PDB file of N, CA and C in Angstrom:
ATOM      1  N   UNK A   1      37.579 109.943  19.220  1.00  0.00           N
ATOM      2  CA  UNK A   1      38.601 109.248  19.764  1.00  0.00           C
ATOM      3  C   UNK A   1      38.875 107.938  19.181  1.00  0.00           C
ATOM      4  N   UNK A   2      40.075 107.583  18.867  1.00  0.00           N
ATOM      5  CA  UNK A   2      40.363 106.268  18.180  1.00  0.00           C
ATOM      6  C   UNK A   2      40.356 105.180  19.211  1.00  0.00           C
ATOM      7  N   UNK A   3      39.789 104.069  18.742  1.00  0.00           N
ATOM      8  CA  UNK A   3      39.820 102.822  19.612  1.00  0.00           C
ATOM      9  C   UNK A   3      41.163 102.253  19.648  1.00  0.00           C
ATOM     10  N   UNK A   4      41.374 101.588  20.727  1.00  0.00           N
ATOM     11  CA  UNK A   4      42.720 100.932  20.925  1.00  0.00           C
ATOM     12  C   UNK A   4      42.655  99.644  20.048  1.00  0.00           C
ATOM     13  N   UNK A   5      43.944  99.202  19.622  1.00  0.00           N
ATOM     14  CA  UNK A   5      44.072  97.906  18.869  1.00  0.00           C
ATOM     15  C   UNK A   5      43.846  96.813  19.968  1.00  0.00           C
ATOM     16  N   UNK A   6      43.373  95.746  19.537  1.00  0.00           N
ATOM     17  CA  UNK A   6      43.158  94.468  20.390  1.00  0.00           C
ATOM     18  C   UNK A   6      44.267  93.574  19.963  1.00  0.00           C
ATOM     19  N   UNK A   7      44.992  93.080  20.960  1.00  0.00           N
ATOM     20  CA  UNK A   7      46.057  92.066  20.726  1.00  0.00           C
ATOM     21  C   UNK A   7      45.595  90.769  21.392  1.00  0.00           C
ATOM     22  N   UNK A   8      45.845  89.592  20.663  1.00  0.00           N
ATOM     23  CA  UNK A   8      45.529  88.335  21.253  1.00  0.00           C
ATOM     24  C   UNK A   8      46.635  88.150  22.461  1.00  0.00           C
ATOM     25  N   UNK A   9      46.045  87.513  23.585  1.00  0.00           N
ATOM     26  CA  UNK A   9      46.888  87.277  24.668  1.00  0.00           C
ATOM     27  C   UNK A   9      47.016  85.786  24.889  1.00  0.00           C
ATOM     28  N   UNK A  10      48.053  85.369  25.533  1.00  0.00           N
ATOM     29  CA  UNK A  10      48.293  83.961  25.848  1.00  0.00           C
ATOM     30  C   UNK A  10      49.070  83.840  27.156  1.00  0.00           C
ATOM     31  N   UNK A  11      49.084  82.662  27.742  1.00  0.00           N
ATOM     32  CA  UNK A  11      49.828  82.570  29.008  1.00  0.00           C
ATOM     33  C   UNK A  11      51.282  82.021  28.730  1.00  0.00           C
ATOM     34  N   UNK A  12      52.194  82.743  29.351  1.00  0.00           N
ATOM     35  CA  UNK A  12      53.607  82.338  29.230  1.00  0.00           C
ATOM     36  C   UNK A  12      53.790  81.123  30.062  1.00  0.00           C
ATOM     37  N   UNK A  13      54.319  80.000  29.442  1.00  0.00           N
ATOM     38  CA  UNK A  13      54.395  78.846  30.131  1.00  0.00           C
ATOM     39  C   UNK A  13      55.495  78.883  31.192  1.00  0.00           C
ATOM     40  N   UNK A  14      56.546  79.746  31.053  1.00  0.00           N
ATOM     41  CA  UNK A  14      57.595  79.824  32.081  1.00  0.00           C
ATOM     42  C   UNK A  14      57.057  80.567  33.374  1.00  0.00           C
ATOM     43  N   UNK A  15      56.283  81.649  33.196  1.00  0.00           N
ATOM     44  CA  UNK A  15      55.935  82.496  34.266  1.00  0.00           C
ATOM     45  C   UNK A  15      54.466  82.363  34.717  1.00  0.00           C
ATOM     46  N   UNK A  16      53.658  81.875  33.836  1.00  0.00           N
ATOM     47  CA  UNK A  16      52.188  81.865  33.994  1.00  0.00           C
ATOM     48  C   UNK A  16      51.458  83.146  33.821  1.00  0.00           C
ATOM     49  N   UNK A  17      52.278  84.172  33.453  1.00  0.00           N
ATOM     50  CA  UNK A  17      51.578  85.513  33.157  1.00  0.00           C
ATOM     51  C   UNK A  17      51.069  85.651  31.835  1.00  0.00           C
ATOM     52  N   UNK A  18      50.139  86.580  31.675  1.00  0.00           N
ATOM     53  CA  UNK A  18      49.623  86.873  30.275  1.00  0.00           C
ATOM     54  C   UNK A  18      50.612  87.643  29.530  1.00  0.00           C
ATOM     55  N   UNK A  19      50.792  87.281  28.228  1.00  0.00           N
ATOM     56  CA  UNK A  19      51.634  88.083  27.381  1.00  0.00           C
ATOM     57  C   UNK A  19      51.044  88.227  26.109  1.00  0.00           C
ATOM     58  N   UNK A  20      51.326  89.201  25.271  1.00  0.00           N
ATOM     59  CA  UNK A  20      50.815  89.335  23.998  1.00  0.00           C
ATOM     60  C   UNK A  20      51.258  88.274  23.004  1.00  0.00           C
ATOM     61  N   UNK A  21      50.434  87.651  22.340  1.00  0.00           N
ATOM     62  CA  UNK A  21      50.648  86.528  21.517  1.00  0.00           C
ATOM     63  C   UNK A  21      51.684  86.799  20.527  1.00  0.00           C
ATOM     64  N   UNK A  22      51.679  87.994  19.872  1.00  0.00           N
ATOM     65  CA  UNK A  22      52.673  88.304  18.809  1.00  0.00           C
ATOM     66  C   UNK A  22      54.024  88.458  19.341  1.00  0.00           C
ATOM     67  N   UNK A  23      54.172  88.891  20.547  1.00  0.00           N
ATOM     68  CA  UNK A  23      55.525  88.944  21.188  1.00  0.00           C
ATOM     69  C   UNK A  23      56.001  87.561  21.567  1.00  0.00           C
ATOM     70  N   UNK A  24      55.102  86.700  21.996  1.00  0.00           N
ATOM     71  CA  UNK A  24      55.635  85.279  22.319  1.00  0.00           C
ATOM     72  C   UNK A  24      55.961  84.569  21.032  1.00  0.00           C
ATOM     73  N   UNK A  25      55.165  84.752  19.974  1.00  0.00           N
ATOM     74  CA  UNK A  25      55.539  84.041  18.672  1.00  0.00           C
ATOM     75  C   UNK A  25      56.837  84.510  18.139  1.00  0.00           C
ATOM     76  N   UNK A  26      57.126  85.782  18.240  1.00  0.00           N
ATOM     77  CA  UNK A  26      58.350  86.291  17.741  1.00  0.00           C
ATOM     78  C   UNK A  26      59.622  85.782  18.491  1.00  0.00           C
ATOM     79  N   UNK A  27      59.411  85.747  19.843  1.00  0.00           N
ATOM     80  CA  UNK A  27      60.453  85.224  20.724  1.00  0.00           C
ATOM     81  C   UNK A  27      60.709  83.780  20.347  1.00  0.00           C
ATOM     82  N   UNK A  28      59.662  82.970  20.127  1.00  0.00           N
ATOM     83  CA  UNK A  28      59.909  81.549  19.728  1.00  0.00           C
ATOM     84  C   UNK A  28      60.525  81.493  18.329  1.00  0.00           C
ATOM     85  N   UNK A  29      60.169  82.324  17.488  1.00  0.00           N
ATOM     86  CA  UNK A  29      60.692  82.324  16.060  1.00  0.00           C
ATOM     87  C   UNK A  29      62.227  82.622  16.187  1.00  0.00           C
ATOM     88  N   UNK A  30      62.695  83.621  17.057  1.00  0.00           N
ATOM     89  CA  UNK A  30      64.038  84.034  17.071  1.00  0.00           C
ATOM     90  C   UNK A  30      64.805  83.076  17.935  1.00  0.00           C
ATOM     91  N   UNK A  31      64.126  82.298  18.858  1.00  0.00           N
ATOM     92  CA  UNK A  31      64.898  81.428  19.746  1.00  0.00           C
ATOM     93  C   UNK A  31      65.522  82.055  20.816  1.00  0.00           C
ATOM     94  N   UNK A  32      64.960  83.252  21.322  1.00  0.00           N
ATOM     95  CA  UNK A  32      65.483  83.999  22.403  1.00  0.00           C
ATOM     96  C   UNK A  32      64.386  84.930  23.047  1.00  0.00           C
ATOM     97  N   UNK A  33      64.468  85.267  24.196  1.00  0.00           N
ATOM     98  CA  UNK A  33      63.386  86.268  24.740  1.00  0.00           C
ATOM     99  C   UNK A  33      63.737  87.643  23.995  1.00  0.00           C
ATOM    100  N   UNK A  34      62.593  88.383  23.869  1.00  0.00           N
ATOM    101  CA  UNK A  34      62.700  89.811  23.400  1.00  0.00           C
ATOM    102  C   UNK A  34      63.435  90.663  24.375  1.00  0.00           C
ATOM    103  N   UNK A  35      64.275  91.572  23.909  1.00  0.00           N
ATOM    104  CA  UNK A  35      64.789  92.522  24.877  1.00  0.00           C
ATOM    105  C   UNK A  35      63.746  93.521  25.308  1.00  0.00           C
ATOM    106  N   UNK A  36      63.898  94.071  26.575  1.00  0.00           N
ATOM    107  CA  UNK A  36      62.851  95.055  27.036  1.00  0.00           C
ATOM    108  C   UNK A  36      62.332  96.132  26.129  1.00  0.00           C
ATOM    109  N   UNK A  37      63.298  96.735  25.397  1.00  0.00           N
ATOM    110  CA  UNK A  37      62.861  97.832  24.567  1.00  0.00           C
ATOM    111  C   UNK A  37      62.425  97.488  23.172  1.00  0.00           C
ATOM    112  N   UNK A  38      62.534  96.189  22.773  1.00  0.00           N
ATOM    113  CA  UNK A  38      62.249  95.779  21.410  1.00  0.00           C
ATOM    114  C   UNK A  38      60.645  95.786  21.246  1.00  0.00           C
ATOM    115  N   UNK A  39      60.277  96.239  20.038  1.00  0.00           N
ATOM    116  CA  UNK A  39      58.905  96.341  19.625  1.00  0.00           C
ATOM    117  C   UNK A  39      58.588  95.341  18.511  1.00  0.00           C
ATOM    118  N   UNK A  40      57.563  94.640  18.596  1.00  0.00           N
ATOM    119  CA  UNK A  40      57.089  93.728  17.518  1.00  0.00           C
ATOM    120  C   UNK A  40      55.979  94.486  16.739  1.00  0.00           C
ATOM    121  N   UNK A  41      56.369  94.714  15.370  1.00  0.00           N
ATOM    122  CA  UNK A  41      55.456  95.513  14.613  1.00  0.00           C
ATOM    123  C   UNK A  41      54.763  94.563  13.648  1.00  0.00           C
ATOM    124  N   UNK A  42      53.420  94.855  13.411  1.00  0.00           N
ATOM    125  CA  UNK A  42      52.629  94.122  12.399  1.00  0.00           C
ATOM    126  C   UNK A  42      52.796  94.872  11.130  1.00  0.00           C
ATOM    127  N   UNK A  43      53.379  94.321  10.177  1.00  0.00           N
ATOM    128  CA  UNK A  43      53.666  95.029   8.821  1.00  0.00           C
ATOM    129  C   UNK A  43      52.462  95.551   8.183  1.00  0.00           C
ATOM    130  N   UNK A  44      51.337  94.707   8.264  1.00  0.00           N
ATOM    131  CA  UNK A  44      50.093  95.163   7.488  1.00  0.00           C
ATOM    132  C   UNK A  44      49.193  96.005   8.427  1.00  0.00           C
ATOM    133  N   UNK A  45      49.481  96.218   9.718  1.00  0.00           N
ATOM    134  CA  UNK A  45      48.753  97.101  10.554  1.00  0.00           C
ATOM    135  C   UNK A  45      47.584  96.287  11.219  1.00  0.00           C
ATOM    136  N   UNK A  46      47.472  94.989  10.882  1.00  0.00           N
ATOM    137  CA  UNK A  46      46.338  94.241  11.433  1.00  0.00           C
ATOM    138  C   UNK A  46      46.817  93.440  12.642  1.00  0.00           C
ATOM    139  N   UNK A  47      46.384  93.915  13.780  1.00  0.00           N
ATOM    140  CA  UNK A  47      46.895  93.395  15.093  1.00  0.00           C
ATOM    141  C   UNK A  47      46.448  91.964  15.313  1.00  0.00           C
ATOM    142  N   UNK A  48      45.543  91.402  14.518  1.00  0.00           N
ATOM    143  CA  UNK A  48      45.047  89.953  14.641  1.00  0.00           C
ATOM    144  C   UNK A  48      45.873  89.116  13.718  1.00  0.00           C
ATOM    145  N   UNK A  49      46.606  89.680  12.792  1.00  0.00           N
ATOM    146  CA  UNK A  49      47.403  88.828  11.775  1.00  0.00           C
ATOM    147  C   UNK A  49      48.758  88.547  12.460  1.00  0.00           C
ATOM    148  N   UNK A  50      48.881  87.410  13.126  1.00  0.00           N
ATOM    149  CA  UNK A  50      50.119  87.086  13.837  1.00  0.00           C
ATOM    150  C   UNK A  50      51.032  86.063  13.046  1.00  0.00           C
ATOM    151  N   UNK A  51      50.822  86.061  11.811  1.00  0.00           N
ATOM    152  CA  UNK A  51      51.813  85.181  10.937  1.00  0.00           C
ATOM    153  C   UNK A  51      53.171  85.677  11.015  1.00  0.00           C
ATOM    154  N   UNK A  52      54.145  84.838  11.275  1.00  0.00           N
ATOM    155  CA  UNK A  52      55.485  85.321  11.372  1.00  0.00           C
ATOM    156  C   UNK A  52      56.059  86.172  10.197  1.00  0.00           C
ATOM    157  N   UNK A  53      55.476  86.018   9.003  1.00  0.00           N
ATOM    158  CA  UNK A  53      55.896  86.874   7.931  1.00  0.00           C
ATOM    159  C   UNK A  53      55.386  88.200   7.998  1.00  0.00           C
ATOM    160  N   UNK A  54      54.329  88.398   8.904  1.00  0.00           N
ATOM    161  CA  UNK A  54      53.814  89.720   9.055  1.00  0.00           C
ATOM    162  C   UNK A  54      54.393  90.550  10.259  1.00  0.00           C
ATOM    163  N   UNK A  55      55.195  89.822  11.002  1.00  0.00           N
ATOM    164  CA  UNK A  55      55.772  90.385  12.190  1.00  0.00           C
ATOM    165  C   UNK A  55      57.236  90.781  11.979  1.00  0.00           C
ATOM    166  N   UNK A  56      57.601  91.874  12.626  1.00  0.00           N
ATOM    167  CA  UNK A  56      59.000  92.458  12.418  1.00  0.00           C
ATOM    168  C   UNK A  56      59.466  92.947  13.706  1.00  0.00           C
ATOM    169  N   UNK A  57      60.642  92.777  14.218  1.00  0.00           N
ATOM    170  CA  UNK A  57      61.165  93.246  15.428  1.00  0.00           C
ATOM    171  C   UNK A  57      61.934  94.569  15.131  1.00  0.00           C
ATOM    172  N   UNK A  58      61.562  95.579  15.999  1.00  0.00           N
ATOM    173  CA  UNK A  58      62.212  96.902  15.854  1.00  0.00           C
ATOM    174  C   UNK A  58      62.984  97.197  17.140  1.00  0.00           C
ATOM    175  N   UNK A  59      64.056  97.856  17.124  1.00  0.00           N
ATOM    176  CA  UNK A  59      64.885  97.960  18.329  1.00  0.00           C
ATOM    177  C   UNK A  59      64.351  98.886  19.418  1.00  0.00           C
ATOM    178  N   UNK A  60      63.387  99.835  19.066  1.00  0.00           N
ATOM    179  CA  UNK A  60      62.981 100.678  20.074  1.00  0.00           C
ATOM    180  C   UNK A  60      61.645 101.386  19.618  1.00  0.00           C
ATOM    181  N   UNK A  61      60.929 101.955  20.597  1.00  0.00           N
ATOM    182  CA  UNK A  61      59.724 102.646  20.268  1.00  0.00           C
ATOM    183  C   UNK A  61      59.922 103.848  19.372  1.00  0.00           C
ATOM    184  N   UNK A  62      61.068 104.502  19.546  1.00  0.00           N
ATOM    185  CA  UNK A  62      61.415 105.612  18.737  1.00  0.00           C
ATOM    186  C   UNK A  62      61.549 105.188  17.205  1.00  0.00           C
ATOM    187  N   UNK A  63      62.302 104.179  17.030  1.00  0.00           N
ATOM    188  CA  UNK A  63      62.567 103.704  15.622  1.00  0.00           C
ATOM    189  C   UNK A  63      61.159 103.199  15.076  1.00  0.00           C
ATOM    190  N   UNK A  64      60.331 102.579  15.944  1.00  0.00           N
ATOM    191  CA  UNK A  64      58.972 102.180  15.494  1.00  0.00           C
ATOM    192  C   UNK A  64      58.167 103.358  14.997  1.00  0.00           C
ATOM    193  N   UNK A  65      58.227 104.415  15.760  1.00  0.00           N
ATOM    194  CA  UNK A  65      57.503 105.713  15.351  1.00  0.00           C
ATOM    195  C   UNK A  65      58.107 106.217  14.024  1.00  0.00           C
ATOM    196  N   UNK A  66      59.343 106.066  13.867  1.00  0.00           N
ATOM    197  CA  UNK A  66      59.986 106.570  12.549  1.00  0.00           C
ATOM    198  C   UNK A  66      59.548 105.723  11.444  1.00  0.00           C
ATOM    199  N   UNK A  67      59.490 104.386  11.561  1.00  0.00           N
ATOM    200  CA  UNK A  67      58.970 103.531  10.545  1.00  0.00           C
ATOM    201  C   UNK A  67      57.445 103.797  10.164  1.00  0.00           C
ATOM    202  N   UNK A  68      56.665 104.016  11.229  1.00  0.00           N
ATOM    203  CA  UNK A  68      55.214 104.302  11.024  1.00  0.00           C
ATOM    204  C   UNK A  68      55.045 105.575  10.232  1.00  0.00           C
ATOM    205  N   UNK A  69      55.815 106.554  10.589  1.00  0.00           N
ATOM    206  CA  UNK A  69      55.767 107.918   9.926  1.00  0.00           C
ATOM    207  C   UNK A  69      56.014 107.631   8.408  1.00  0.00           C
ATOM    208  N   UNK A  70      57.102 106.957   8.028  1.00  0.00           N
ATOM    209  CA  UNK A  70      57.465 106.833   6.664  1.00  0.00           C
ATOM    210  C   UNK A  70      56.459 106.006   5.936  1.00  0.00           C
ATOM    211  N   UNK A  71      55.894 104.923   6.640  1.00  0.00           N
ATOM    212  CA  UNK A  71      54.827 104.181   5.955  1.00  0.00           C
ATOM    213  C   UNK A  71      53.611 104.994   5.579  1.00  0.00           C
ATOM    214  N   UNK A  72      53.206 105.809   6.709  1.00  0.00           N
ATOM    215  CA  UNK A  72      51.996 106.619   6.410  1.00  0.00           C
ATOM    216  C   UNK A  72      52.312 107.635   5.319  1.00  0.00           C
ATOM    217  N   UNK A  73      53.482 108.237   5.299  1.00  0.00           N
ATOM    218  CA  UNK A  73      53.765 109.187   4.185  1.00  0.00           C
ATOM    219  C   UNK A  73      53.745 108.432   2.801  1.00  0.00           C
ATOM    220  N   UNK A  74      54.229 107.233   2.757  1.00  0.00           N
ATOM    221  CA  UNK A  74      54.165 106.536   1.499  1.00  0.00           C
ATOM    222  C   UNK A  74      52.705 106.128   0.980  1.00  0.00           C
ATOM    223  N   UNK A  75      51.909 105.917   2.018  1.00  0.00           N
ATOM    224  CA  UNK A  75      50.442 105.529   1.751  1.00  0.00           C
ATOM    225  C   UNK A  75      49.710 106.778   1.295  1.00  0.00           C
ATOM    226  N   UNK A  76      50.182 107.921   1.713  1.00  0.00           N
ATOM    227  CA  UNK A  76      49.559 109.204   1.302  1.00  0.00           C
ATOM    228  C   UNK A  76      50.127 109.723  -0.030  1.00  0.00           C
ATOM    229  N   UNK A  77      51.130 109.033  -0.627  1.00  0.00           N
ATOM    230  CA  UNK A  77      51.664 109.406  -1.881  1.00  0.00           C
ATOM    231  C   UNK A  77      52.734 110.512  -1.753  1.00  0.00           C
ATOM    232  N   UNK A  78      53.305 110.671  -0.539  1.00  0.00           N
ATOM    233  CA  UNK A  78      54.291 111.742  -0.320  1.00  0.00           C
ATOM    234  C   UNK A  78      55.617 111.000  -0.652  1.00  0.00           C
ATOM    235  N   UNK A  79      56.483 111.676  -1.526  1.00  0.00           N
ATOM    236  CA  UNK A  79      57.740 111.082  -1.830  1.00  0.00           C
ATOM    237  C   UNK A  79      58.750 111.219  -0.680  1.00  0.00           C
ATOM    238  N   UNK A  80      59.601 110.187  -0.595  1.00  0.00           N
ATOM    239  CA  UNK A  80      60.616 110.149   0.558  1.00  0.00           C
ATOM    240  C   UNK A  80      61.727 111.126   0.117  1.00  0.00           C
ATOM    241  N   UNK A  81      62.318 111.801   1.133  1.00  0.00           N
ATOM    242  CA  UNK A  81      63.345 112.826   0.753  1.00  0.00           C
ATOM    243  C   UNK A  81      64.656 111.929   0.377  1.00  0.00           C
ATOM    244  N   UNK A  82      64.927 110.946   1.096  1.00  0.00           N
ATOM    245  CA  UNK A  82      66.210 110.187   0.865  1.00  0.00           C
ATOM    246  C   UNK A  82      65.705 108.713   0.776  1.00  0.00           C
ATOM    247  N   UNK A  83      65.102 108.306  -0.395  1.00  0.00           N
ATOM    248  CA  UNK A  83      64.642 106.896  -0.515  1.00  0.00           C
ATOM    249  C   UNK A  83      65.756 105.880  -0.440  1.00  0.00           C
ATOM    250  N   UNK A  84      67.013 106.237  -0.691  1.00  0.00           N
ATOM    251  CA  UNK A  84      68.145 105.299  -0.701  1.00  0.00           C
ATOM    252  C   UNK A  84      68.433 104.882   0.797  1.00  0.00           C
ATOM    253  N   UNK A  85      68.007 105.624   1.746  1.00  0.00           N
ATOM    254  CA  UNK A  85      68.252 105.278   3.257  1.00  0.00           C
ATOM    255  C   UNK A  85      67.063 104.559   3.767  1.00  0.00           C
ATOM    256  N   UNK A  86      65.919 104.453   3.085  1.00  0.00           N
ATOM    257  CA  UNK A  86      64.775 103.805   3.622  1.00  0.00           C
ATOM    258  C   UNK A  86      64.159 102.827   2.711  1.00  0.00           C
ATOM    259  N   UNK A  87      64.847 101.989   1.873  1.00  0.00           N
ATOM    260  CA  UNK A  87      64.239 101.173   0.955  1.00  0.00           C
ATOM    261  C   UNK A  87      63.713  99.863   1.510  1.00  0.00           C
ATOM    262  N   UNK A  88      64.160  99.441   2.671  1.00  0.00           N
ATOM    263  CA  UNK A  88      63.843  98.106   3.083  1.00  0.00           C
ATOM    264  C   UNK A  88      62.881  97.886   4.207  1.00  0.00           C
ATOM    265  N   UNK A  89      62.128  98.880   4.603  1.00  0.00           N
ATOM    266  CA  UNK A  89      61.167  98.639   5.644  1.00  0.00           C
ATOM    267  C   UNK A  89      60.117  97.679   5.202  1.00  0.00           C
ATOM    268  N   UNK A  90      59.699  97.704   3.945  1.00  0.00           N
ATOM    269  CA  UNK A  90      58.765  96.809   3.401  1.00  0.00           C
ATOM    270  C   UNK A  90      59.346  95.465   3.131  1.00  0.00           C
ATOM    271  N   UNK A  91      60.609  95.390   2.719  1.00  0.00           N
ATOM    272  CA  UNK A  91      61.238  94.096   2.385  1.00  0.00           C
ATOM    273  C   UNK A  91      62.085  93.371   3.564  1.00  0.00           C
ATOM    274  N   UNK A  92      62.030  94.001   4.725  1.00  0.00           N
ATOM    275  CA  UNK A  92      62.942  93.431   5.737  1.00  0.00           C
ATOM    276  C   UNK A  92      62.444  92.085   5.981  1.00  0.00           C
ATOM    277  N   UNK A  93      63.312  91.128   5.819  1.00  0.00           N
ATOM    278  CA  UNK A  93      62.990  89.681   5.986  1.00  0.00           C
ATOM    279  C   UNK A  93      63.300  89.262   7.478  1.00  0.00           C
ATOM    280  N   UNK A  94      62.486  88.404   7.947  1.00  0.00           N
ATOM    281  CA  UNK A  94      62.792  87.868   9.220  1.00  0.00           C
ATOM    282  C   UNK A  94      64.047  86.983   9.178  1.00  0.00           C
ATOM    283  N   UNK A  95      64.731  86.904  10.265  1.00  0.00           N
ATOM    284  CA  UNK A  95      65.935  86.079  10.350  1.00  0.00           C
ATOM    285  C   UNK A  95      65.429  84.588  10.160  1.00  0.00           C
ATOM    286  N   UNK A  96      65.926  83.841   9.287  1.00  0.00           N
ATOM    287  CA  UNK A  96      65.495  82.449   9.085  1.00  0.00           C
ATOM    288  C   UNK A  96      65.906  81.478  10.167  1.00  0.00           C
ATOM    289  N   UNK A  97      67.255  81.594  10.474  1.00  0.00           N
ATOM    290  CA  UNK A  97      67.718  80.655  11.501  1.00  0.00           C
ATOM    291  C   UNK A  97      67.827  81.438  12.798  1.00  0.00           C
ATOM    292  N   UNK A  98      67.570  80.908  13.973  1.00  0.00           N
ATOM    293  CA  UNK A  98      67.601  81.667  15.142  1.00  0.00           C
ATOM    294  C   UNK A  98      69.051  82.239  15.386  1.00  0.00           C
ATOM    295  N   UNK A  99      69.093  83.437  15.866  1.00  0.00           N
ATOM    296  CA  UNK A  99      70.334  84.063  16.179  1.00  0.00           C
ATOM    297  C   UNK A  99      70.245  84.684  17.490  1.00  0.00           C
ATOM    298  N   UNK A 100      71.290  84.715  18.270  1.00  0.00           N
ATOM    299  CA  UNK A 100      71.367  85.396  19.554  1.00  0.00           C
ATOM    300  C   UNK A 100      71.733  86.798  19.301  1.00  0.00           C
ATOM    301  N   UNK A 101      71.262  87.712  20.156  1.00  0.00           N
ATOM    302  CA  UNK A 101      71.487  89.122  20.079  1.00  0.00           C
ATOM    303  C   UNK A 101      70.333  89.898  19.634  1.00  0.00           C
ATOM    304  N   UNK A 102      70.631  91.029  19.133  1.00  0.00           N
ATOM    305  CA  UNK A 102      69.528  91.958  18.627  1.00  0.00           C
ATOM    306  C   UNK A 102      69.331  91.833  17.126  1.00  0.00           C
ATOM    307  N   UNK A 103      68.199  92.286  16.680  1.00  0.00           N
ATOM    308  CA  UNK A 103      67.920  92.320  15.239  1.00  0.00           C
ATOM    309  C   UNK A 103      68.168  93.643  14.712  1.00  0.00           C
ATOM    310  N   UNK A 104      68.770  94.495  15.471  1.00  0.00           N
ATOM    311  CA  UNK A 104      68.970  95.956  14.996  1.00  0.00           C
ATOM    312  C   UNK A 104      69.690  96.038  13.694  1.00  0.00           C
ATOM    313  N   UNK A 105      70.732  95.222  13.533  1.00  0.00           N
ATOM    314  CA  UNK A 105      71.475  95.289  12.280  1.00  0.00           C
ATOM    315  C   UNK A 105      70.714  94.842  11.076  1.00  0.00           C
ATOM    316  N   UNK A 106      69.674  93.928  11.311  1.00  0.00           N
ATOM    317  CA  UNK A 106      68.945  93.373  10.147  1.00  0.00           C
ATOM    318  C   UNK A 106      67.724  94.268   9.851  1.00  0.00           C
ATOM    319  N   UNK A 107      67.257  95.147  10.714  1.00  0.00           N
ATOM    320  CA  UNK A 107      66.109  96.003  10.539  1.00  0.00           C
ATOM    321  C   UNK A 107      66.546  97.344  10.084  1.00  0.00           C
ATOM    322  N   UNK A 108      67.572  97.992  10.655  1.00  0.00           N
ATOM    323  CA  UNK A 108      67.879  99.320  10.394  1.00  0.00           C
ATOM    324  C   UNK A 108      68.327  99.550   8.884  1.00  0.00           C
ATOM    325  N   UNK A 109      67.591 100.202   8.191  1.00  0.00           N
ATOM    326  CA  UNK A 109      67.910 100.566   6.862  1.00  0.00           C
ATOM    327  C   UNK A 109      68.414  99.526   6.000  1.00  0.00           C
ATOM    328  N   UNK A 110      67.868  98.295   6.190  1.00  0.00           N
ATOM    329  CA  UNK A 110      68.325  97.117   5.370  1.00  0.00           C
ATOM    330  C   UNK A 110      69.819  96.894   5.348  1.00  0.00           C
ATOM    331  N   UNK A 111      70.448  97.048   6.490  1.00  0.00           N
ATOM    332  CA  UNK A 111      71.812  96.824   6.507  1.00  0.00           C
ATOM    333  C   UNK A 111      72.773  97.871   6.255  1.00  0.00           C
ATOM    334  N   UNK A 112      72.322  98.979   5.695  1.00  0.00           N
ATOM    335  CA  UNK A 112      73.135 100.123   5.505  1.00  0.00           C
ATOM    336  C   UNK A 112      73.597 100.795   6.744  1.00  0.00           C
ATOM    337  N   UNK A 113      74.772 101.198   6.854  1.00  0.00           N
ATOM    338  CA  UNK A 113      75.248 101.936   8.037  1.00  0.00           C
ATOM    339  C   UNK A 113      74.456 103.191   8.282  1.00  0.00           C
ATOM    340  N   UNK A 114      74.235 103.507   9.497  1.00  0.00           N
ATOM    341  CA  UNK A 114      73.563 104.703   9.832  1.00  0.00           C
ATOM    342  C   UNK A 114      74.464 105.734  10.438  1.00  0.00           C
ATOM    343  N   UNK A 115      74.232 107.012  10.132  1.00  0.00           N
ATOM    344  CA  UNK A 115      75.133 108.083  10.670  1.00  0.00           C
ATOM    345  C   UNK A 115      74.281 108.692  11.887  1.00  0.00           C
ATOM    346  N   UNK A 116      73.112 108.271  12.025  1.00  0.00           N
ATOM    347  CA  UNK A 116      72.286 108.790  13.235  1.00  0.00           C
ATOM    348  C   UNK A 116      72.388 107.775  14.381  1.00  0.00           C
ATOM    349  N   UNK A 117      72.198 108.358  15.528  1.00  0.00           N
ATOM    350  CA  UNK A 117      72.094 107.514  16.761  1.00  0.00           C
ATOM    351  C   UNK A 117      70.582 107.451  17.150  1.00  0.00           C
ATOM    352  N   UNK A 118      70.063 106.293  17.224  1.00  0.00           N
ATOM    353  CA  UNK A 118      68.611 106.218  17.733  1.00  0.00           C
ATOM    354  C   UNK A 118      68.524 106.179  19.140  1.00  0.00           C
TER     355      UNK A 118
END
């Protein structure tokens, strides 16, 4: 059985509740609270590396599973069927200036329009 990943916790100053540090750091970086369905992904897979350049916001758990699947395939040397639709998962850059709203358009396929509904 695989062991669970350990995430650093911190206390939310507004509510006093414990929250995952990577989620709080990303919310501060974006200048807005994370939406309930948004997932903060560690690019290198190291749950202790909370550097903002290592964190990426994904719009849903379903999309997170999709990204993880393609990254694992790439690590195993499996070629992507449609590489032109998935070039930017590694290069997705974080939004430099805080923006309101969702990061969906910045994460999904590096700005290319999608024909699928997630």
